[in-house]
Amino acid sequence: MDRDAVNRIAEEFESTCETGERFHGAQMALYRDGRRVLDVGGGQARLRTNEPVVEDTLFVMFSCTKALASLAMLMLYERGKFHYDEHVAAYWPEFAQRMPEKAGITIRHVMSHRAGFPGGPEWLTARHWGDRAAIRKAMEEVELSFPAGQKNAYHAINFGHMVNELVERIDGRDCGVFLREEVFEPLGLHDIHVGLPEDRRLEARVAWCYNEMNLSAARATGVVAPGHESSGGEDAGSLAGAAARDLSRSESETPEFAHPFNRPATHRAVLPAAGGIATARDLTEVLAVLALGGRRGDVELVSREGLAAVTAPTNRASDLDGTVGWPLRWSTGFSLGFHGDGSTLRTFGHGGAGGQETFADPDRRLAWTFLTNGEISKDFIDWRYGLQSMAFAACKE
């Protein structure tokens, strides 16, 4: 890495933290060749109680979690536990019993946002996110918006509900336990969770989220290119919507709990679409292994060939995403491109609704993560995209 270029990235991050104009608090980490190059943080983790971001502050990563869910599925696939082109109903018969038209939905459809039910049902609010029986019922009764495979349409939350149920039916462990035992622990990571353990000390380390949940669909994906907004699709405010009104009287005494992703019950729920909690450092450690092809030392998560297969595009460049309303490139679980000037369709990762971003680039063996508790300024995405571009430019041959 170009040391001066890396220092400029750190200086830009730190000076922006000091102004507090683009975000309240954040962490950023950069790895190359599996080695940590940059690990910085700053700003406020919790405004009302005046708690700063420190080294072990945990952030809700929102849809960056989808990258971890996709890794779990690839690991199970490479162990011969399922095939992406098998039907969901082969593992979950009840999924298609109420609606026979759902019998044709494959696991690949789910992973590539082509399953046909990007949202709904409306009653499935944050109150039910920790209730697996309710989630199963919701996925079994949700109606199709379009036939499976017809087009891609970002399944913001339903992606994770489906993956969690599939992982448990295929493996016997839910997605959070699988990732902890098969990825995080082998890599020696302790500050990354999909389903936070019930521990008051851990809960106290989680930064409160301040991002607006009544977002356009484009912003809710976290994968929009700079300068673009949604031209159509459904309002992603459904991620909060009635959920913000689910508060009990005791919960309402903490005003931050009006945001569904600030509630301890949400943190404990296993939500592979949006509920992961981590430091930027630990999330980047995972992506750094993928940037190396899936192996670090004695720990092999996936094969280089398998990773290449699931990070190949599943839709054409001109395809409009049915949720967002403008072109997005998807693979079998990851978003492609738009990760900075210098990124290509071989660069894969995912963004989050609050301004989070994580990606791996196998050509440069580069991994990068930015976690925040919510963007503030209108130019935040452009600014963060500039940092990502600086990371690519800092790579020497």
Protein backbone atom coordinates (compact mmCIF):
# COMPACT_ATOMS: atom_id res chain seq x y z
CA MET A 1 0.00 0.00 0.00
CA ASP A 2 1.03 3.58 -0.62
CA ARG A 3 1.60 4.81 2.92
CA ASP A 4 0.95 8.45 2.12
CA ALA A 5 -2.31 7.55 0.37
CA VAL A 6 -3.44 5.49 3.37
CA ASN A 7 -2.60 8.39 5.68
CA ARG A 8 -4.73 10.70 3.54
CA ILE A 9 -7.68 8.31 3.92
CA ALA A 10 -7.24 8.34 7.70
CA GLU A 11 -6.89 12.13 7.79
CA GLU A 12 -10.04 12.63 5.72
CA PHE A 13 -11.99 10.29 8.00
CA GLU A 14 -10.71 11.93 11.17
CA SER A 15 -11.31 15.49 10.01
CA THR A 16 -14.86 14.57 9.03
CA CYS A 17 -15.41 13.00 12.46
CA GLU A 18 -14.36 16.26 14.09
CA THR A 19 -16.89 18.34 12.17
CA GLY A 20 -19.79 15.93 12.84
CA GLU A 21 -21.48 17.13 9.64
CA ARG A 22 -21.78 13.85 7.70
CA PHE A 23 -22.37 11.26 10.44
CA HIS A 24 -22.53 11.04 14.23
CA GLY A 25 -20.12 8.16 14.74
CA ALA A 26 -18.30 5.59 12.61
CA GLN A 27 -15.50 3.08 12.24
CA MET A 28 -13.53 2.25 9.12
CA ALA A 29 -11.14 -0.63 8.46
CA LEU A 30 -8.95 -1.54 5.48
CA TYR A 31 -7.09 -4.81 4.89
CA ARG A 32 -4.82 -5.95 2.09
CA ASP A 33 -3.32 -9.40 1.62
CA GLY A 34 -5.07 -10.38 4.86
CA ARG A 35 -3.19 -7.75 6.87
CA ARG A 36 -4.77 -4.79 8.64
CA VAL A 37 -3.72 -1.54 7.01
CA LEU A 38 -6.10 0.91 8.66
CA ASP A 39 -8.47 0.75 11.64
CA VAL A 40 -9.96 4.06 12.75
CA GLY A 41 -13.07 5.31 14.50
CA GLY A 42 -14.54 8.44 15.98
CA GLY A 43 -17.58 10.57 16.72
CA GLN A 44 -20.50 9.79 18.98
CA ALA A 45 -21.90 6.31 19.56
CA ARG A 46 -24.84 7.51 21.71
CA LEU A 47 -25.79 11.17 21.58
CA ARG A 48 -28.14 11.62 24.53
CA THR A 49 -25.72 9.94 26.96
CA ASN A 50 -22.67 11.50 25.29
CA GLU A 51 -20.82 8.22 24.67
CA PRO A 52 -17.99 8.37 22.13
CA VAL A 53 -17.05 5.73 19.58
CA VAL A 54 -14.17 3.69 20.97
CA GLU A 55 -12.17 0.73 19.73
CA ASP A 56 -14.72 -1.88 20.81
CA THR A 57 -17.90 0.02 19.92
CA LEU A 58 -20.31 -2.28 18.05
CA PHE A 59 -22.43 -1.07 15.13
CA VAL A 60 -25.56 -2.49 13.56
CA MET A 61 -24.38 -3.30 10.04
CA PHE A 62 -27.83 -3.42 8.39
CA SER A 63 -27.69 -5.08 4.95
CA CYS A 64 -23.94 -5.65 5.10
CA THR A 65 -25.20 -8.71 7.02
CA LYS A 66 -26.33 -10.20 3.71
CA ALA A 67 -22.69 -10.76 2.77
CA LEU A 68 -22.29 -13.00 5.82
CA ALA A 69 -25.56 -14.84 5.12
CA SER A 70 -24.39 -15.49 1.57
CA LEU A 71 -21.09 -16.83 2.88
CA ALA A 72 -22.94 -19.26 5.16
CA MET A 73 -24.97 -20.56 2.24
CA LEU A 74 -21.90 -21.02 0.05
CA MET A 75 -20.15 -22.96 2.81
CA LEU A 76 -23.11 -25.34 3.08
CA TYR A 77 -23.28 -25.69 -0.70
CA GLU A 78 -19.61 -26.62 -0.92
CA ARG A 79 -20.15 -29.27 1.74
CA GLY A 80 -22.73 -30.89 -0.51
CA LYS A 81 -25.69 -30.03 1.72
CA PHE A 82 -27.86 -28.53 -1.03
CA HIS A 83 -27.81 -27.20 -4.58
CA TYR A 84 -28.75 -23.64 -5.47
CA ASP A 85 -31.10 -24.86 -8.21
CA GLU A 86 -33.13 -27.04 -5.84
CA HIS A 87 -36.58 -25.83 -4.89
CA VAL A 88 -37.07 -24.20 -1.51
CA ALA A 89 -40.02 -26.54 -0.91
CA ALA A 90 -37.67 -29.54 -1.06
CA TYR A 91 -36.36 -28.45 2.35
CA TRP A 92 -39.40 -26.52 3.52
CA PRO A 93 -42.58 -28.25 2.22
CA GLU A 94 -44.93 -25.89 4.04
CA PHE A 95 -43.49 -22.96 2.10
CA ALA A 96 -45.52 -23.83 -0.99
CA GLN A 97 -48.55 -25.55 0.53
CA ARG A 98 -50.78 -22.48 0.68
CA MET A 99 -49.72 -21.15 -2.71
CA PRO A 100 -48.76 -23.78 -5.28
CA GLU A 101 -47.23 -21.08 -7.50
CA LYS A 102 -44.41 -20.82 -4.95
CA ALA A 103 -43.38 -24.43 -5.58
CA GLY A 104 -41.13 -23.31 -8.45
CA ILE A 105 -39.04 -20.96 -6.30
CA THR A 106 -35.45 -22.16 -6.08
CA ILE A 107 -32.76 -21.34 -3.57
CA ARG A 108 -30.94 -19.49 -6.34
CA HIS A 109 -34.02 -17.30 -6.83
CA VAL A 110 -33.91 -16.39 -3.15
CA MET A 111 -30.19 -15.66 -3.15
CA SER A 112 -30.33 -13.47 -6.27
CA HIS A 113 -33.42 -11.44 -5.25
CA ARG A 114 -35.56 -13.08 -7.92
CA ALA A 115 -37.95 -15.07 -5.69
CA GLY A 116 -40.94 -12.78 -6.33
CA PHE A 117 -41.83 -11.49 -2.85
CA PRO A 118 -39.58 -8.51 -2.05
CA GLY A 119 -41.82 -7.26 0.76
CA GLY A 120 -44.63 -8.20 3.11
CA PRO A 121 -46.74 -9.36 4.70
CA GLU A 122 -47.54 -6.05 6.38
CA TRP A 123 -48.15 -7.56 9.82
CA LEU A 124 -44.56 -8.81 10.10
CA THR A 125 -43.12 -5.87 12.03
CA ALA A 126 -40.15 -5.63 14.37
CA ARG A 127 -42.27 -7.01 17.22
CA HIS A 128 -42.15 -10.44 15.51
CA TRP A 129 -38.50 -10.52 14.41
CA GLY A 130 -37.49 -12.74 17.32
CA ASP A 131 -40.42 -15.14 16.78
CA ARG A 132 -39.31 -17.84 14.38
CA ALA A 133 -42.78 -19.40 14.17
CA ALA A 134 -44.27 -16.04 13.16
CA ILE A 135 -41.57 -15.51 10.54
CA ARG A 136 -42.15 -18.98 9.07
CA LYS A 137 -45.89 -18.30 8.90
CA ALA A 138 -45.24 -14.95 7.21
CA MET A 139 -42.97 -16.44 4.55
CA GLU A 140 -45.47 -19.23 3.88
CA GLU A 141 -48.40 -16.85 3.42
CA VAL A 142 -46.67 -13.92 1.67
CA GLU A 143 -48.04 -13.44 -1.83
CA LEU A 144 -45.94 -13.21 -4.96
CA SER A 145 -45.56 -9.81 -6.58
CA PHE A 146 -44.24 -11.45 -9.75
CA PRO A 147 -43.42 -15.00 -10.92
CA ALA A 148 -40.17 -16.39 -9.57
CA GLY A 149 -37.24 -15.71 -11.86
CA GLN A 150 -39.02 -13.07 -13.92
CA LYS A 151 -36.86 -10.21 -12.66
CA ASN A 152 -34.65 -9.13 -9.81
CA ALA A 153 -36.21 -7.06 -7.02
CA TYR A 154 -34.34 -6.38 -3.79
CA HIS A 155 -35.78 -8.49 -0.93
CA ALA A 156 -34.63 -6.16 1.85
CA ILE A 157 -35.76 -8.20 4.88
CA ASN A 158 -37.37 -11.33 3.42
CA PHE A 159 -34.00 -12.40 2.01
CA GLY A 160 -32.75 -12.92 5.56
CA HIS A 161 -35.90 -14.62 6.83
CA MET A 162 -35.61 -17.14 4.00
CA VAL A 163 -31.88 -17.74 4.40
CA ASN A 164 -32.18 -18.25 8.15
CA GLU A 165 -34.90 -20.86 7.76
CA LEU A 166 -33.01 -22.63 4.96
CA VAL A 167 -29.75 -22.73 6.91
CA GLU A 168 -31.49 -24.27 9.91
CA ARG A 169 -33.38 -26.84 7.84
CA ILE A 170 -30.26 -27.78 5.88
CA ASP A 171 -27.72 -27.71 8.73
CA GLY A 172 -29.66 -27.87 12.01
CA ARG A 173 -28.22 -24.58 13.30
CA ASP A 174 -29.63 -21.15 12.61
CA CYS A 175 -27.56 -18.74 10.54
CA GLY A 176 -26.19 -16.90 13.57
CA VAL A 177 -24.94 -20.03 15.31
CA PHE A 178 -23.53 -21.42 12.07
CA LEU A 179 -21.54 -18.26 11.39
CA ARG A 180 -20.27 -18.09 14.96
CA GLU A 181 -19.09 -21.70 15.04
CA GLU A 182 -17.88 -22.03 11.44
CA VAL A 183 -16.54 -18.55 10.62
CA PHE A 184 -16.08 -16.18 13.55
CA GLU A 185 -14.57 -18.58 16.10
CA PRO A 186 -12.15 -20.26 13.66
CA LEU A 187 -10.92 -16.79 12.66
CA GLY A 188 -10.58 -15.76 16.32
CA LEU A 189 -13.22 -13.02 16.06
CA HIS A 190 -15.24 -11.99 19.13
CA ASP A 191 -16.81 -8.69 18.08
CA ILE A 192 -19.11 -9.84 15.30
CA HIS A 193 -22.56 -11.35 15.78
CA VAL A 194 -25.70 -12.28 13.88
CA GLY A 195 -27.92 -12.50 16.94
CA LEU A 196 -26.30 -10.70 19.85
CA PRO A 197 -25.91 -12.86 22.99
CA GLU A 198 -28.08 -11.75 25.91
CA ASP A 199 -25.34 -9.90 27.75
CA ARG A 200 -25.86 -6.42 29.21
CA ARG A 201 -22.20 -5.57 28.74
CA LEU A 202 -22.38 -6.36 25.03
CA GLU A 203 -25.65 -4.47 24.64
CA ALA A 204 -24.10 -1.39 26.24
CA ARG A 205 -21.39 -1.36 23.55
CA VAL A 206 -23.84 -1.10 20.63
CA ALA A 207 -24.02 2.36 19.06
CA TRP A 208 -27.55 3.73 18.78
CA CYS A 209 -28.81 4.10 15.22
CA TYR A 210 -29.94 7.52 14.03
CA ASN A 211 -30.54 6.84 10.35
CA GLU A 212 -33.98 7.72 9.01
CA MET A 213 -35.91 4.50 8.41
CA ASN A 214 -38.50 6.13 6.14
CA LEU A 215 -36.16 5.83 3.17
CA SER A 216 -36.71 5.56 -0.52
CA ALA A 217 -36.11 2.03 -1.70
CA ALA A 218 -32.90 3.12 -3.39
CA ARG A 219 -31.37 4.43 -0.18
CA ALA A 220 -32.61 1.44 1.82
CA THR A 221 -30.58 -0.95 -0.31
CA GLY A 222 -27.37 0.76 0.67
CA VAL A 223 -25.97 -0.19 -2.75
CA VAL A 224 -27.00 2.81 -4.82
CA ALA A 225 -24.35 4.58 -6.84
CA PRO A 226 -23.51 8.13 -5.80
CA GLY A 227 -25.85 10.80 -7.03
CA HIS A 228 -28.75 8.43 -7.77
CA GLU A 229 -32.14 8.06 -6.15
CA SER A 230 -35.01 5.68 -6.72
CA SER A 231 -37.33 6.39 -9.61
CA GLY A 232 -39.93 3.89 -8.50
CA GLY A 233 -40.61 0.79 -6.45
CA GLU A 234 -42.13 0.39 -3.04
CA ASP A 235 -41.36 2.60 -0.06
CA ALA A 236 -38.80 0.97 2.19
CA GLY A 237 -40.31 2.71 5.17
CA SER A 238 -42.08 -0.61 5.67
CA LEU A 239 -38.88 -1.69 7.44
CA ALA A 240 -39.96 0.62 10.24
CA GLY A 241 -43.52 1.75 9.57
CA ALA A 242 -45.77 0.06 12.09
CA ALA A 243 -42.67 -1.30 13.82
CA ALA A 244 -42.00 2.12 15.31
CA ARG A 245 -45.45 1.92 16.90
CA ASP A 246 -44.79 -1.49 18.47
CA LEU A 247 -43.20 0.01 21.56
CA SER A 248 -44.45 -0.95 24.99
CA ARG A 249 -44.78 1.74 27.64
CA SER A 250 -41.54 0.65 29.34
CA GLU A 251 -39.64 0.74 26.04
CA SER A 252 -40.95 4.21 25.22
CA GLU A 253 -39.04 5.56 28.22
CA THR A 254 -35.92 5.22 26.08
CA PRO A 255 -36.75 7.40 23.06
CA GLU A 256 -34.05 5.75 20.97
CA PHE A 257 -36.12 2.54 21.00
CA ALA A 258 -38.52 4.17 18.55
CA HIS A 259 -35.91 3.03 16.01
CA PRO A 260 -36.50 -0.74 15.71
CA PHE A 261 -32.78 -1.48 15.29
CA ASN A 262 -31.97 0.07 18.67
CA ARG A 263 -34.05 -2.41 20.64
CA PRO A 264 -32.27 -5.19 22.57
CA ALA A 265 -34.88 -7.67 21.31
CA THR A 266 -33.95 -6.81 17.71
CA HIS A 267 -30.25 -7.16 18.51
CA ARG A 268 -30.84 -10.66 19.92
CA ALA A 269 -32.95 -11.77 16.95
CA VAL A 270 -31.21 -13.64 14.14
CA LEU A 271 -31.81 -11.37 11.14
CA PRO A 272 -29.40 -12.36 8.35
CA ALA A 273 -30.75 -9.59 6.10
CA ALA A 274 -30.00 -6.63 8.34
CA GLY A 275 -29.36 -7.47 11.99
CA GLY A 276 -25.63 -8.19 12.15
CA ILE A 277 -23.65 -6.31 14.80
CA ALA A 278 -19.89 -5.88 14.70
CA THR A 279 -16.86 -3.67 14.80
CA ALA A 280 -15.60 -2.60 11.39
CA ARG A 281 -12.37 -4.45 12.18
CA ASP A 282 -13.99 -7.86 12.69
CA LEU A 283 -16.32 -7.58 9.69
CA THR A 284 -13.38 -6.64 7.49
CA GLU A 285 -11.41 -9.64 8.79
CA VAL A 286 -14.07 -11.91 7.27
CA LEU A 287 -14.12 -10.03 3.96
CA ALA A 288 -10.31 -10.06 3.91
CA VAL A 289 -10.37 -13.88 3.85
CA LEU A 290 -12.77 -13.76 0.91
CA ALA A 291 -10.51 -11.26 -0.86
CA LEU A 292 -7.79 -13.91 -0.62
CA GLY A 293 -10.04 -16.50 -2.25
CA GLY A 294 -11.65 -17.96 0.87
CA ARG A 295 -8.66 -19.18 2.84
CA ARG A 296 -6.33 -17.72 5.48
CA GLY A 297 -3.63 -19.96 6.89
CA ASP A 298 -5.18 -23.18 8.13
CA VAL A 299 -8.74 -21.79 7.97
CA GLU A 300 -10.49 -22.43 4.67
CA LEU A 301 -14.01 -21.04 4.57
CA VAL A 302 -14.77 -21.65 0.88
CA SER A 303 -12.92 -22.50 -2.29
CA ARG A 304 -11.70 -19.90 -4.75
CA GLU A 305 -13.78 -21.57 -7.48
CA GLY A 306 -16.95 -21.60 -5.39
CA LEU A 307 -16.53 -17.97 -4.46
CA ALA A 308 -16.02 -17.01 -8.10
CA ALA A 309 -19.22 -18.85 -9.04
CA VAL A 310 -21.46 -17.10 -6.49
CA THR A 311 -19.99 -13.67 -7.24
CA ALA A 312 -20.76 -13.85 -10.96
CA PRO A 313 -23.59 -11.55 -12.15
CA THR A 314 -27.10 -13.02 -12.18
CA ASN A 315 -28.71 -10.20 -14.16
CA ARG A 316 -27.88 -7.94 -17.09
CA ALA A 317 -26.47 -4.46 -16.72
CA SER A 318 -29.61 -2.89 -18.16
CA ASP A 319 -32.06 -4.73 -15.87
CA LEU A 320 -34.03 -2.40 -13.62
CA ASP A 321 -34.36 -3.68 -10.08
CA GLY A 322 -38.06 -4.15 -9.36
CA THR A 323 -37.79 -2.67 -5.88
CA VAL A 324 -35.31 0.14 -6.42
CA GLY A 325 -36.35 1.18 -9.91
CA TRP A 326 -32.93 1.55 -11.49
CA PRO A 327 -30.18 -0.91 -12.53
CA LEU A 328 -28.38 -2.92 -9.84
CA ARG A 329 -26.02 -5.83 -10.39
CA TRP A 330 -26.60 -8.87 -8.19
CA SER A 331 -24.77 -12.15 -7.79
CA THR A 332 -25.85 -15.16 -5.73
CA GLY A 333 -26.12 -13.13 -2.54
CA PHE A 334 -23.71 -10.22 -3.03
CA SER A 335 -23.98 -6.82 -4.72
CA LEU A 336 -21.47 -6.13 -7.47
CA GLY A 337 -19.77 -2.94 -8.62
CA PHE A 338 -20.39 0.58 -7.24
CA HIS A 339 -17.80 -0.05 -4.53
CA GLY A 340 -15.49 2.79 -5.58
CA ASP A 341 -13.58 3.96 -8.63
CA GLY A 342 -11.37 1.02 -9.45
CA SER A 343 -13.93 -1.61 -8.49
CA THR A 344 -15.17 -4.05 -11.11
CA LEU A 345 -17.86 -6.72 -11.34
CA ARG A 346 -15.37 -8.97 -9.54
CA THR A 347 -15.63 -6.66 -6.51
CA PHE A 348 -18.38 -7.94 -4.24
CA GLY A 349 -19.96 -7.02 -0.93
CA HIS A 350 -23.02 -5.17 0.31
CA GLY A 351 -24.19 -1.82 1.62
CA GLY A 352 -26.56 -0.94 4.44
CA ALA A 353 -29.49 1.42 4.95
CA GLY A 354 -27.64 3.69 7.38
CA GLY A 355 -24.62 4.36 5.19
CA GLN A 356 -22.67 1.16 5.96
CA GLU A 357 -20.54 -0.57 3.33
CA THR A 358 -18.31 -3.62 3.12
CA PHE A 359 -16.59 -5.20 0.12
CA ALA A 360 -13.83 -7.54 -1.02
CA ASP A 361 -11.78 -7.20 -4.18
CA PRO A 362 -9.97 -10.43 -5.15
CA ASP A 363 -7.86 -8.75 -7.85
CA ARG A 364 -6.18 -6.46 -5.31
CA ARG A 365 -6.70 -8.76 -2.27
CA LEU A 366 -8.39 -5.74 -0.73
CA ALA A 367 -11.16 -5.61 1.91
CA TRP A 368 -12.86 -2.48 3.25
CA THR A 369 -15.64 -1.68 5.73
CA PHE A 370 -17.33 1.49 6.88
CA LEU A 371 -19.83 1.21 9.73
CA THR A 372 -21.81 4.15 11.05
CA ASN A 373 -24.85 4.85 13.19
CA GLY A 374 -26.42 6.92 10.44
CA GLU A 375 -25.58 9.34 7.68
CA ILE A 376 -26.56 12.98 8.15
CA SER A 377 -25.61 15.01 5.07
CA LYS A 378 -26.99 14.70 1.57
CA ASP A 379 -23.46 14.30 0.20
CA PHE A 380 -22.54 11.45 2.57
CA ILE A 381 -22.73 8.69 -0.07
CA ASP A 382 -20.55 10.72 -2.45
CA TRP A 383 -18.06 11.38 0.33
CA ARG A 384 -17.89 7.73 1.43
CA TYR A 385 -17.59 6.60 -2.20
CA GLY A 386 -14.60 8.92 -2.45
CA LEU A 387 -12.93 7.15 0.47
CA GLN A 388 -13.56 3.80 -1.18
CA SER A 389 -11.97 5.10 -4.38
CA MET A 390 -8.98 6.32 -2.39
CA ALA A 391 -8.55 2.79 -1.00
CA PHE A 392 -8.33 1.34 -4.49
CA ALA A 393 -5.91 4.06 -5.58
CA ALA A 394 -3.68 3.34 -2.57
CA CYS A 395 -2.99 -0.21 -3.78
CA LYS A 396 0.42 -0.75 -5.33
CA GLU A 397 0.92 -3.55 -7.81
